[in-house]
Amino acid sequence: MTGFWTGARLGLALTAASVLAPTAVLGQTPASPPGRAAVLQSLLDCRSLSEDAARLACYDQAAGAMDQAEAKGDIVVVDREQARSVRRQAFGFSLPSLAVFERGEAPEEIDNVTGIAKRAYQAGGKWVIELEDGAVWQQTDTENVVRQPRPGTKVEIRKASMGSFFMNLDGQRAVRARRVE
């Protein structure tokens, strides 16, 4: 990557800046389309200025406003790879708020994840597996796990029917599981 202000990040960064800049320059409040941050809309509105100096001043102000909004946490700028990573980290949870990461192209359907066990223990006769990425999965059925999992065990979790999941531990027969953390 050549720098922060390239590719997808430029578009997202400009989104936040656009909300505040045209408002101050033009003295009006832009109407943002649903789902679009006002700071981005302000930046985009700068394009409508025909005079070069006014347009540049608008962009400068909008970029500054966007930078401040991101620094304060009022907006979050992510690229496609970061959004994909968030969806993978949330695998196993039902979180409708993740829809914000699904703009543009249709997101890849994630139907399984793999990881390495950081910790494995039994609670109430069922295995609890903590993965290196921090996800914690718990066995929900009473299937016997022949080879006890331990740190370093390869774990594969895949979607099953009706919102359930199967967990394979080092290629053994799958057990039903649910994500607990």
N, C-alpha and C. Protein backbone atom coordinates (compact mmCIF):
# COMPACT_ATOMS: atom_id res chain seq x y z
N MET A 1 0.86 -1.17 0.00
CA MET A 1 0.00 0.00 0.00
C MET A 1 0.90 1.23 0.00
N THR A 2 0.55 2.22 -0.78
CA THR A 2 1.39 3.40 -0.90
C THR A 2 1.14 4.41 0.19
N GLY A 3 0.10 4.33 0.93
CA GLY A 3 -0.17 5.27 2.02
C GLY A 3 -1.62 5.19 2.44
N PHE A 4 -1.91 5.90 3.51
CA PHE A 4 -3.26 5.86 4.07
C PHE A 4 -4.31 6.37 3.10
N TRP A 5 -4.01 7.43 2.36
CA TRP A 5 -5.00 8.06 1.49
C TRP A 5 -5.06 7.41 0.12
N THR A 6 -5.07 6.08 0.08
CA THR A 6 -5.18 5.38 -1.18
C THR A 6 -6.35 4.43 -1.17
N GLY A 7 -6.82 4.07 -2.34
CA GLY A 7 -7.83 3.03 -2.51
C GLY A 7 -9.07 3.21 -1.68
N ALA A 8 -9.49 2.13 -1.09
CA ALA A 8 -10.74 2.11 -0.31
C ALA A 8 -10.66 3.02 0.89
N ARG A 9 -9.49 3.15 1.49
CA ARG A 9 -9.36 4.00 2.67
C ARG A 9 -9.61 5.46 2.34
N LEU A 10 -9.22 5.89 1.15
CA LEU A 10 -9.47 7.27 0.76
C LEU A 10 -10.96 7.54 0.75
N GLY A 11 -11.71 6.63 0.13
CA GLY A 11 -13.15 6.81 0.06
C GLY A 11 -13.78 6.86 1.42
N LEU A 12 -13.38 5.97 2.32
CA LEU A 12 -13.95 5.96 3.65
C LEU A 12 -13.51 7.17 4.45
N ALA A 13 -12.26 7.55 4.32
CA ALA A 13 -11.76 8.70 5.05
C ALA A 13 -12.45 9.96 4.59
N LEU A 14 -12.66 10.06 3.31
CA LEU A 14 -13.29 11.25 2.77
C LEU A 14 -14.75 11.34 3.19
N THR A 15 -15.34 10.22 3.48
CA THR A 15 -16.73 10.19 3.90
C THR A 15 -16.93 11.03 5.15
N ALA A 16 -16.11 10.82 6.13
CA ALA A 16 -16.27 11.53 7.38
C ALA A 16 -15.99 13.01 7.20
N ALA A 17 -14.99 13.35 6.45
CA ALA A 17 -14.63 14.74 6.28
C ALA A 17 -15.71 15.51 5.55
N SER A 18 -16.39 14.87 4.64
CA SER A 18 -17.36 15.56 3.81
C SER A 18 -18.55 16.08 4.57
N VAL A 19 -18.85 15.48 5.67
CA VAL A 19 -20.04 15.90 6.41
C VAL A 19 -19.91 17.30 6.95
N LEU A 20 -18.77 17.61 7.51
CA LEU A 20 -18.62 18.90 8.16
C LEU A 20 -18.14 20.00 7.24
N ALA A 21 -17.34 19.68 6.26
CA ALA A 21 -16.74 20.71 5.43
C ALA A 21 -17.73 21.50 4.60
N PRO A 22 -18.55 20.88 3.76
CA PRO A 22 -19.45 21.66 2.94
C PRO A 22 -20.43 22.47 3.77
N THR A 23 -20.80 21.97 4.90
CA THR A 23 -21.73 22.70 5.76
C THR A 23 -21.14 24.04 6.14
N ALA A 24 -19.87 24.01 6.57
CA ALA A 24 -19.25 25.25 6.99
C ALA A 24 -18.99 26.17 5.81
N VAL A 25 -18.55 25.60 4.70
CA VAL A 25 -18.23 26.41 3.53
C VAL A 25 -19.48 26.96 2.87
N LEU A 26 -20.49 26.11 2.72
CA LEU A 26 -21.68 26.52 2.01
C LEU A 26 -22.76 27.10 2.93
N GLY A 27 -22.57 26.92 4.25
CA GLY A 27 -23.54 27.44 5.19
C GLY A 27 -24.85 26.69 5.18
N GLN A 28 -24.82 25.42 4.80
CA GLN A 28 -26.04 24.64 4.78
C GLN A 28 -25.78 23.27 5.39
N THR A 29 -26.83 22.60 5.75
CA THR A 29 -26.71 21.26 6.29
C THR A 29 -27.08 20.28 5.19
N PRO A 30 -26.13 19.45 4.76
CA PRO A 30 -26.44 18.51 3.69
C PRO A 30 -27.35 17.40 4.19
N ALA A 31 -28.18 16.91 3.29
CA ALA A 31 -29.04 15.77 3.61
C ALA A 31 -28.29 14.51 3.21
N SER A 32 -27.89 13.72 4.19
CA SER A 32 -27.13 12.51 3.90
C SER A 32 -28.08 11.38 3.55
N PRO A 33 -27.71 10.60 2.53
CA PRO A 33 -28.51 9.42 2.22
C PRO A 33 -28.50 8.47 3.42
N PRO A 34 -29.52 7.66 3.57
CA PRO A 34 -29.56 6.73 4.70
C PRO A 34 -28.32 5.85 4.73
N GLY A 35 -27.76 5.66 5.91
CA GLY A 35 -26.59 4.79 6.06
C GLY A 35 -25.27 5.47 5.74
N ARG A 36 -25.28 6.71 5.30
CA ARG A 36 -24.04 7.41 4.97
C ARG A 36 -23.75 8.43 6.06
N ALA A 37 -22.55 8.43 6.57
CA ALA A 37 -22.16 9.37 7.61
C ALA A 37 -22.21 10.79 7.06
N ALA A 38 -22.70 11.70 7.88
CA ALA A 38 -22.81 13.10 7.48
C ALA A 38 -21.45 13.69 7.13
N VAL A 39 -20.41 13.30 7.86
CA VAL A 39 -19.08 13.83 7.59
C VAL A 39 -18.59 13.39 6.21
N LEU A 40 -18.97 12.20 5.77
CA LEU A 40 -18.63 11.75 4.41
C LEU A 40 -19.42 12.56 3.38
N GLN A 41 -20.70 12.74 3.64
CA GLN A 41 -21.53 13.47 2.70
C GLN A 41 -21.00 14.89 2.51
N SER A 42 -20.52 15.51 3.59
CA SER A 42 -19.95 16.86 3.48
C SER A 42 -18.74 16.86 2.56
N LEU A 43 -17.92 15.85 2.66
CA LEU A 43 -16.76 15.74 1.79
C LEU A 43 -17.19 15.57 0.34
N LEU A 44 -18.15 14.71 0.11
CA LEU A 44 -18.62 14.48 -1.25
C LEU A 44 -19.28 15.72 -1.85
N ASP A 45 -19.93 16.49 -1.00
CA ASP A 45 -20.56 17.71 -1.47
C ASP A 45 -19.55 18.73 -2.00
N CYS A 46 -18.31 18.63 -1.58
CA CYS A 46 -17.27 19.54 -2.07
C CYS A 46 -17.09 19.42 -3.59
N ARG A 47 -17.40 18.26 -4.13
CA ARG A 47 -17.24 18.06 -5.58
C ARG A 47 -18.12 19.00 -6.39
N SER A 48 -19.23 19.45 -5.80
CA SER A 48 -20.16 20.29 -6.54
C SER A 48 -19.68 21.73 -6.70
N LEU A 49 -18.62 22.11 -5.98
CA LEU A 49 -18.10 23.47 -6.10
C LEU A 49 -17.27 23.59 -7.38
N SER A 50 -17.59 24.56 -8.21
CA SER A 50 -16.90 24.68 -9.50
C SER A 50 -15.61 25.49 -9.40
N GLU A 51 -15.53 26.40 -8.47
CA GLU A 51 -14.34 27.25 -8.34
C GLU A 51 -13.26 26.47 -7.59
N ASP A 52 -12.08 26.38 -8.20
CA ASP A 52 -11.00 25.54 -7.67
C ASP A 52 -10.63 25.88 -6.22
N ALA A 53 -10.43 27.14 -5.92
CA ALA A 53 -9.99 27.53 -4.58
C ALA A 53 -11.05 27.18 -3.53
N ALA A 54 -12.31 27.39 -3.85
CA ALA A 54 -13.40 27.08 -2.91
C ALA A 54 -13.50 25.57 -2.71
N ARG A 55 -13.35 24.82 -3.81
CA ARG A 55 -13.42 23.36 -3.72
C ARG A 55 -12.27 22.82 -2.88
N LEU A 56 -11.06 23.35 -3.09
CA LEU A 56 -9.90 22.92 -2.31
C LEU A 56 -10.09 23.26 -0.83
N ALA A 57 -10.59 24.45 -0.55
CA ALA A 57 -10.83 24.84 0.84
C ALA A 57 -11.87 23.93 1.48
N CYS A 58 -12.89 23.59 0.72
CA CYS A 58 -13.93 22.69 1.20
C CYS A 58 -13.34 21.32 1.52
N TYR A 59 -12.55 20.77 0.60
CA TYR A 59 -11.93 19.47 0.84
C TYR A 59 -11.00 19.51 2.05
N ASP A 60 -10.20 20.56 2.15
CA ASP A 60 -9.29 20.68 3.29
C ASP A 60 -10.07 20.69 4.61
N GLN A 61 -11.14 21.46 4.65
CA GLN A 61 -11.93 21.54 5.87
C GLN A 61 -12.62 20.20 6.15
N ALA A 62 -13.14 19.58 5.12
CA ALA A 62 -13.84 18.31 5.29
C ALA A 62 -12.86 17.21 5.75
N ALA A 63 -11.66 17.20 5.18
CA ALA A 63 -10.66 16.20 5.58
C ALA A 63 -10.26 16.41 7.03
N GLY A 64 -10.12 17.65 7.44
CA GLY A 64 -9.80 17.95 8.84
C GLY A 64 -10.90 17.49 9.78
N ALA A 65 -12.15 17.75 9.38
CA ALA A 65 -13.29 17.33 10.20
C ALA A 65 -13.35 15.81 10.29
N MET A 66 -13.07 15.15 9.18
CA MET A 66 -13.09 13.70 9.17
C MET A 66 -11.99 13.13 10.06
N ASP A 67 -10.80 13.72 9.98
CA ASP A 67 -9.68 13.29 10.80
C ASP A 67 -10.02 13.43 12.29
N GLN A 68 -10.63 14.56 12.65
CA GLN A 68 -11.03 14.78 14.05
C GLN A 68 -12.11 13.78 14.48
N ALA A 69 -13.07 13.53 13.61
CA ALA A 69 -14.15 12.60 13.94
C ALA A 69 -13.60 11.19 14.15
N GLU A 70 -12.62 10.79 13.34
CA GLU A 70 -12.03 9.47 13.52
C GLU A 70 -11.22 9.41 14.80
N ALA A 71 -10.45 10.46 15.08
CA ALA A 71 -9.63 10.50 16.30
C ALA A 71 -10.50 10.42 17.55
N LYS A 72 -11.68 11.03 17.51
CA LYS A 72 -12.59 11.02 18.67
C LYS A 72 -13.42 9.75 18.74
N GLY A 73 -13.38 8.95 17.69
CA GLY A 73 -14.17 7.72 17.67
C GLY A 73 -15.58 7.93 17.18
N ASP A 74 -15.89 9.11 16.63
CA ASP A 74 -17.23 9.37 16.10
C ASP A 74 -17.47 8.59 14.81
N ILE A 75 -16.42 8.32 14.07
CA ILE A 75 -16.50 7.48 12.88
C ILE A 75 -15.37 6.46 12.95
N VAL A 76 -15.54 5.37 12.24
CA VAL A 76 -14.51 4.35 12.16
C VAL A 76 -14.27 4.08 10.68
N VAL A 77 -13.02 4.09 10.29
CA VAL A 77 -12.66 3.84 8.90
C VAL A 77 -12.03 2.46 8.82
N VAL A 78 -12.63 1.60 7.99
CA VAL A 78 -12.10 0.25 7.79
C VAL A 78 -12.03 -0.05 6.30
N ASP A 79 -11.09 -0.89 5.93
CA ASP A 79 -11.04 -1.32 4.55
C ASP A 79 -11.68 -2.71 4.45
N ARG A 80 -11.82 -3.22 3.26
CA ARG A 80 -12.51 -4.49 3.03
C ARG A 80 -11.87 -5.63 3.82
N GLU A 81 -10.53 -5.67 3.87
CA GLU A 81 -9.85 -6.74 4.59
C GLU A 81 -10.14 -6.67 6.09
N GLN A 82 -10.18 -5.47 6.65
CA GLN A 82 -10.51 -5.32 8.07
C GLN A 82 -11.95 -5.77 8.33
N ALA A 83 -12.87 -5.45 7.44
CA ALA A 83 -14.26 -5.87 7.60
C ALA A 83 -14.36 -7.40 7.53
N ARG A 84 -13.62 -8.02 6.61
CA ARG A 84 -13.60 -9.48 6.49
C ARG A 84 -13.08 -10.10 7.78
N SER A 85 -12.04 -9.50 8.36
CA SER A 85 -11.47 -10.00 9.60
C SER A 85 -12.49 -9.93 10.74
N VAL A 86 -13.26 -8.85 10.80
CA VAL A 86 -14.28 -8.72 11.84
C VAL A 86 -15.34 -9.80 11.68
N ARG A 87 -15.77 -10.05 10.45
CA ARG A 87 -16.77 -11.10 10.22
C ARG A 87 -16.25 -12.47 10.64
N ARG A 88 -14.97 -12.74 10.37
CA ARG A 88 -14.38 -14.03 10.76
C ARG A 88 -14.30 -14.13 12.28
N GLN A 89 -13.91 -13.05 12.94
CA GLN A 89 -13.80 -13.06 14.40
C GLN A 89 -15.16 -13.27 15.06
N ALA A 90 -16.22 -12.83 14.41
CA ALA A 90 -17.56 -12.94 14.98
C ALA A 90 -18.25 -14.25 14.59
N PHE A 91 -17.57 -15.11 13.84
CA PHE A 91 -18.17 -16.38 13.42
C PHE A 91 -18.70 -17.12 14.64
N GLY A 92 -19.95 -17.55 14.55
CA GLY A 92 -20.56 -18.27 15.66
C GLY A 92 -21.49 -17.41 16.49
N PHE A 93 -21.40 -16.11 16.33
CA PHE A 93 -22.30 -15.19 17.02
C PHE A 93 -23.32 -14.66 16.03
N SER A 94 -24.50 -14.36 16.49
CA SER A 94 -25.52 -13.74 15.67
C SER A 94 -25.58 -12.26 16.04
N LEU A 95 -24.94 -11.44 15.22
CA LEU A 95 -24.84 -10.02 15.53
C LEU A 95 -25.36 -9.19 14.36
N PRO A 96 -26.60 -8.74 14.41
CA PRO A 96 -27.14 -7.97 13.29
C PRO A 96 -26.40 -6.67 13.05
N SER A 97 -25.69 -6.15 14.04
CA SER A 97 -24.97 -4.89 13.87
C SER A 97 -23.78 -5.01 12.93
N LEU A 98 -23.39 -6.22 12.53
CA LEU A 98 -22.29 -6.39 11.59
C LEU A 98 -22.67 -6.01 10.18
N ALA A 99 -23.93 -5.72 9.92
CA ALA A 99 -24.37 -5.35 8.58
C ALA A 99 -23.63 -4.10 8.08
N VAL A 100 -23.12 -3.28 8.96
CA VAL A 100 -22.39 -2.09 8.55
C VAL A 100 -21.14 -2.46 7.76
N PHE A 101 -20.63 -3.67 7.94
CA PHE A 101 -19.44 -4.11 7.22
C PHE A 101 -19.77 -4.76 5.89
N GLU A 102 -21.02 -4.74 5.48
CA GLU A 102 -21.43 -5.47 4.29
C GLU A 102 -21.85 -4.56 3.14
N ARG A 103 -21.28 -3.40 3.03
CA ARG A 103 -21.57 -2.51 1.92
C ARG A 103 -20.74 -2.91 0.71
N GLY A 104 -21.16 -2.42 -0.45
CA GLY A 104 -20.41 -2.70 -1.66
C GLY A 104 -20.68 -4.11 -2.15
N GLU A 105 -19.63 -4.82 -2.51
CA GLU A 105 -19.77 -6.18 -3.00
C GLU A 105 -20.36 -7.07 -1.90
N ALA A 106 -21.05 -8.11 -2.33
CA ALA A 106 -21.60 -9.06 -1.37
C ALA A 106 -20.45 -9.68 -0.58
N PRO A 107 -20.59 -9.72 0.75
CA PRO A 107 -19.50 -10.28 1.55
C PRO A 107 -19.39 -11.79 1.33
N GLU A 108 -18.19 -12.29 1.50
CA GLU A 108 -18.01 -13.74 1.36
C GLU A 108 -18.78 -14.44 2.47
N GLU A 109 -19.39 -15.55 2.12
CA GLU A 109 -20.12 -16.35 3.10
C GLU A 109 -19.11 -17.17 3.88
N ILE A 110 -19.08 -17.01 5.18
CA ILE A 110 -18.16 -17.76 6.02
C ILE A 110 -18.94 -18.92 6.62
N ASP A 111 -18.56 -20.14 6.25
CA ASP A 111 -19.27 -21.29 6.79
C ASP A 111 -18.39 -22.17 7.67
N ASN A 112 -17.10 -21.81 7.79
CA ASN A 112 -16.23 -22.53 8.71
C ASN A 112 -15.02 -21.68 9.06
N VAL A 113 -14.44 -21.99 10.19
CA VAL A 113 -13.20 -21.35 10.61
C VAL A 113 -12.28 -22.42 11.17
N THR A 114 -11.01 -22.17 11.10
CA THR A 114 -10.04 -23.09 11.70
C THR A 114 -9.17 -22.30 12.65
N GLY A 115 -8.64 -22.98 13.61
CA GLY A 115 -7.77 -22.33 14.57
C GLY A 115 -6.97 -23.37 15.35
N ILE A 116 -6.22 -22.86 16.29
CA ILE A 116 -5.39 -23.70 17.15
C ILE A 116 -5.85 -23.47 18.59
N ALA A 117 -6.01 -24.56 19.31
CA ALA A 117 -6.42 -24.46 20.71
C ALA A 117 -5.30 -23.85 21.55
N LYS A 118 -5.65 -22.86 22.30
CA LYS A 118 -4.72 -22.25 23.25
C LYS A 118 -4.87 -22.95 24.60
N ARG A 119 -6.11 -23.34 24.89
CA ARG A 119 -6.44 -23.97 26.16
C ARG A 119 -7.63 -24.89 25.96
N ALA A 120 -7.66 -26.01 26.64
CA ALA A 120 -8.78 -26.95 26.55
C ALA A 120 -9.02 -27.53 27.94
N TYR A 121 -10.29 -27.55 28.35
CA TYR A 121 -10.63 -28.11 29.65
C TYR A 121 -12.08 -28.58 29.62
N GLN A 122 -12.44 -29.38 30.61
CA GLN A 122 -13.81 -29.87 30.70
C GLN A 122 -14.55 -29.10 31.78
N ALA A 123 -15.82 -28.81 31.48
CA ALA A 123 -16.72 -28.16 32.44
C ALA A 123 -18.05 -28.89 32.34
N GLY A 124 -18.46 -29.51 33.41
CA GLY A 124 -19.71 -30.25 33.39
C GLY A 124 -19.69 -31.42 32.43
N GLY A 125 -18.51 -32.02 32.21
CA GLY A 125 -18.39 -33.17 31.32
C GLY A 125 -18.33 -32.82 29.85
N LYS A 126 -18.26 -31.54 29.53
CA LYS A 126 -18.19 -31.11 28.13
C LYS A 126 -16.93 -30.27 27.93
N TRP A 127 -16.36 -30.40 26.74
CA TRP A 127 -15.11 -29.70 26.44
C TRP A 127 -15.34 -28.23 26.15
N VAL A 128 -14.45 -27.41 26.67
CA VAL A 128 -14.42 -25.98 26.39
C VAL A 128 -13.06 -25.73 25.74
N ILE A 129 -13.08 -25.13 24.56
CA ILE A 129 -11.86 -24.90 23.80
C ILE A 129 -11.68 -23.40 23.59
N GLU A 130 -10.57 -22.87 24.06
CA GLU A 130 -10.22 -21.46 23.82
C GLU A 130 -9.19 -21.45 22.69
N LEU A 131 -9.53 -20.74 21.62
CA LEU A 131 -8.63 -20.66 20.47
C LEU A 131 -7.61 -19.55 20.67
N GLU A 132 -6.54 -19.61 19.91
CA GLU A 132 -5.49 -18.58 20.00
C GLU A 132 -6.02 -17.19 19.68
N ASP A 133 -7.07 -17.09 18.84
CA ASP A 133 -7.62 -15.77 18.49
C ASP A 133 -8.58 -15.23 19.56
N GLY A 134 -8.77 -15.98 20.65
CA GLY A 134 -9.63 -15.53 21.75
C GLY A 134 -11.03 -16.09 21.73
N ALA A 135 -11.47 -16.70 20.64
CA ALA A 135 -12.80 -17.29 20.58
C ALA A 135 -12.85 -18.49 21.53
N VAL A 136 -14.00 -18.66 22.19
CA VAL A 136 -14.18 -19.79 23.10
C VAL A 136 -15.42 -20.55 22.67
N TRP A 137 -15.25 -21.85 22.44
CA TRP A 137 -16.32 -22.73 21.99
C TRP A 137 -16.52 -23.82 23.04
N GLN A 138 -17.78 -24.20 23.26
CA GLN A 138 -18.11 -25.24 24.22
C GLN A 138 -18.91 -26.34 23.56
N GLN A 139 -18.54 -27.57 23.85
CA GLN A 139 -19.27 -28.73 23.37
C GLN A 139 -20.69 -28.69 23.95
N THR A 140 -21.69 -29.01 23.13
CA THR A 140 -23.07 -29.00 23.62
C THR A 140 -23.70 -30.39 23.65
N ASP A 141 -23.08 -31.36 23.00
CA ASP A 141 -23.64 -32.71 23.02
C ASP A 141 -22.85 -33.57 24.01
N THR A 142 -23.17 -34.85 24.05
CA THR A 142 -22.50 -35.76 24.98
C THR A 142 -21.58 -36.74 24.27
N GLU A 143 -21.23 -36.44 23.01
CA GLU A 143 -20.31 -37.30 22.25
C GLU A 143 -18.98 -37.39 22.99
N ASN A 144 -18.39 -38.58 22.93
CA ASN A 144 -17.10 -38.81 23.55
C ASN A 144 -15.99 -38.29 22.62
N VAL A 145 -15.04 -37.57 23.18
CA VAL A 145 -13.86 -37.12 22.43
C VAL A 145 -12.75 -38.10 22.78
N VAL A 146 -12.32 -38.90 21.80
CA VAL A 146 -11.37 -39.98 22.05
C VAL A 146 -10.01 -39.44 22.47
N ARG A 147 -9.43 -38.59 21.65
CA ARG A 147 -8.12 -37.98 22.00
C ARG A 147 -8.38 -36.62 22.62
N GLN A 148 -8.03 -36.49 23.88
CA GLN A 148 -8.30 -35.25 24.59
C GLN A 148 -7.56 -34.08 23.95
N PRO A 149 -8.29 -32.99 23.71
CA PRO A 149 -7.63 -31.81 23.14
C PRO A 149 -6.69 -31.16 24.15
N ARG A 150 -5.68 -30.51 23.64
CA ARG A 150 -4.70 -29.81 24.48
C ARG A 150 -4.19 -28.61 23.69
N PRO A 151 -3.42 -27.75 24.29
CA PRO A 151 -2.87 -26.63 23.53
C PRO A 151 -2.14 -27.13 22.29
N GLY A 152 -2.42 -26.47 21.17
CA GLY A 152 -1.82 -26.87 19.89
C GLY A 152 -2.73 -27.74 19.04
N THR A 153 -3.84 -28.20 19.61
CA THR A 153 -4.78 -29.02 18.86
C THR A 153 -5.39 -28.20 17.73
N LYS A 154 -5.46 -28.79 16.54
CA LYS A 154 -6.09 -28.13 15.40
C LYS A 154 -7.61 -28.23 15.58
N VAL A 155 -8.30 -27.09 15.44
CA VAL A 155 -9.75 -27.03 15.65
C VAL A 155 -10.39 -26.49 14.38
N GLU A 156 -11.43 -27.18 13.90
CA GLU A 156 -12.22 -26.69 12.78
C GLU A 156 -13.67 -26.62 13.24
N ILE A 157 -14.29 -25.48 13.02
CA ILE A 157 -15.69 -25.29 13.38
C ILE A 157 -16.43 -24.95 12.10
N ARG A 158 -17.54 -25.64 11.86
CA ARG A 158 -18.31 -25.39 10.65
C ARG A 158 -19.79 -25.27 11.00
N LYS A 159 -20.50 -24.54 10.16
CA LYS A 159 -21.93 -24.38 10.34
C LYS A 159 -22.62 -25.71 10.11
N ALA A 160 -23.64 -25.95 10.91
CA ALA A 160 -24.51 -27.12 10.74
C ALA A 160 -25.91 -26.59 10.47
N SER A 161 -26.91 -27.40 10.63
CA SER A 161 -28.27 -26.96 10.35
C SER A 161 -28.86 -26.17 11.51
N MET A 162 -29.82 -25.35 11.18
CA MET A 162 -30.62 -24.60 12.14
C MET A 162 -29.78 -23.79 13.13
N GLY A 163 -28.72 -23.17 12.64
CA GLY A 163 -27.91 -22.28 13.45
C GLY A 163 -26.96 -22.97 14.40
N SER A 164 -26.77 -24.25 14.26
CA SER A 164 -25.84 -24.96 15.15
C SER A 164 -24.48 -25.09 14.46
N PHE A 165 -23.52 -25.63 15.20
CA PHE A 165 -22.15 -25.75 14.71
C PHE A 165 -21.57 -27.10 15.09
N PHE A 166 -20.66 -27.59 14.24
CA PHE A 166 -19.88 -28.79 14.52
C PHE A 166 -18.45 -28.37 14.77
N MET A 167 -17.81 -29.01 15.73
CA MET A 167 -16.41 -28.72 16.05
C MET A 167 -15.61 -30.01 15.91
N ASN A 168 -14.58 -29.98 15.06
CA ASN A 168 -13.66 -31.10 14.90
C ASN A 168 -12.38 -30.77 15.65
N LEU A 169 -11.91 -31.72 16.42
CA LEU A 169 -10.67 -31.55 17.19
C LEU A 169 -9.64 -32.53 16.64
N ASP A 170 -8.64 -32.03 15.96
CA ASP A 170 -7.60 -32.86 15.34
C ASP A 170 -8.17 -33.94 14.44
N GLY A 171 -9.22 -33.61 13.68
CA GLY A 171 -9.77 -34.54 12.71
C GLY A 171 -10.64 -35.65 13.28
N GLN A 172 -10.91 -35.61 14.56
CA GLN A 172 -11.78 -36.63 15.16
C GLN A 172 -13.22 -36.40 14.72
N ARG A 173 -14.08 -37.32 15.11
CA ARG A 173 -15.50 -37.18 14.85
C ARG A 173 -15.98 -35.85 15.44
N ALA A 174 -16.79 -35.13 14.69
CA ALA A 174 -17.25 -33.81 15.12
C ALA A 174 -18.21 -33.91 16.30
N VAL A 175 -18.13 -32.91 17.16
CA VAL A 175 -19.08 -32.75 18.25
C VAL A 175 -19.84 -31.46 18.02
N ARG A 176 -21.05 -31.38 18.52
CA ARG A 176 -21.81 -30.13 18.41
C ARG A 176 -21.23 -29.14 19.41
N ALA A 177 -21.25 -27.87 19.01
CA ALA A 177 -20.67 -26.84 19.87
C ALA A 177 -21.38 -25.52 19.67
N ARG A 178 -21.16 -24.62 20.61
CA ARG A 178 -21.66 -23.25 20.50
C ARG A 178 -20.57 -22.31 20.95
N ARG A 179 -20.60 -21.11 20.40
CA ARG A 179 -19.61 -20.12 20.80
C ARG A 179 -20.08 -19.45 22.07
N VAL A 180 -19.19 -19.36 23.05
CA VAL A 180 -19.56 -18.73 24.32
C VAL A 180 -18.82 -17.41 24.55
N GLU A 181 -17.73 -17.19 23.87
CA GLU A 181 -16.99 -15.91 23.94
C GLU A 181 -16.36 -15.62 22.62
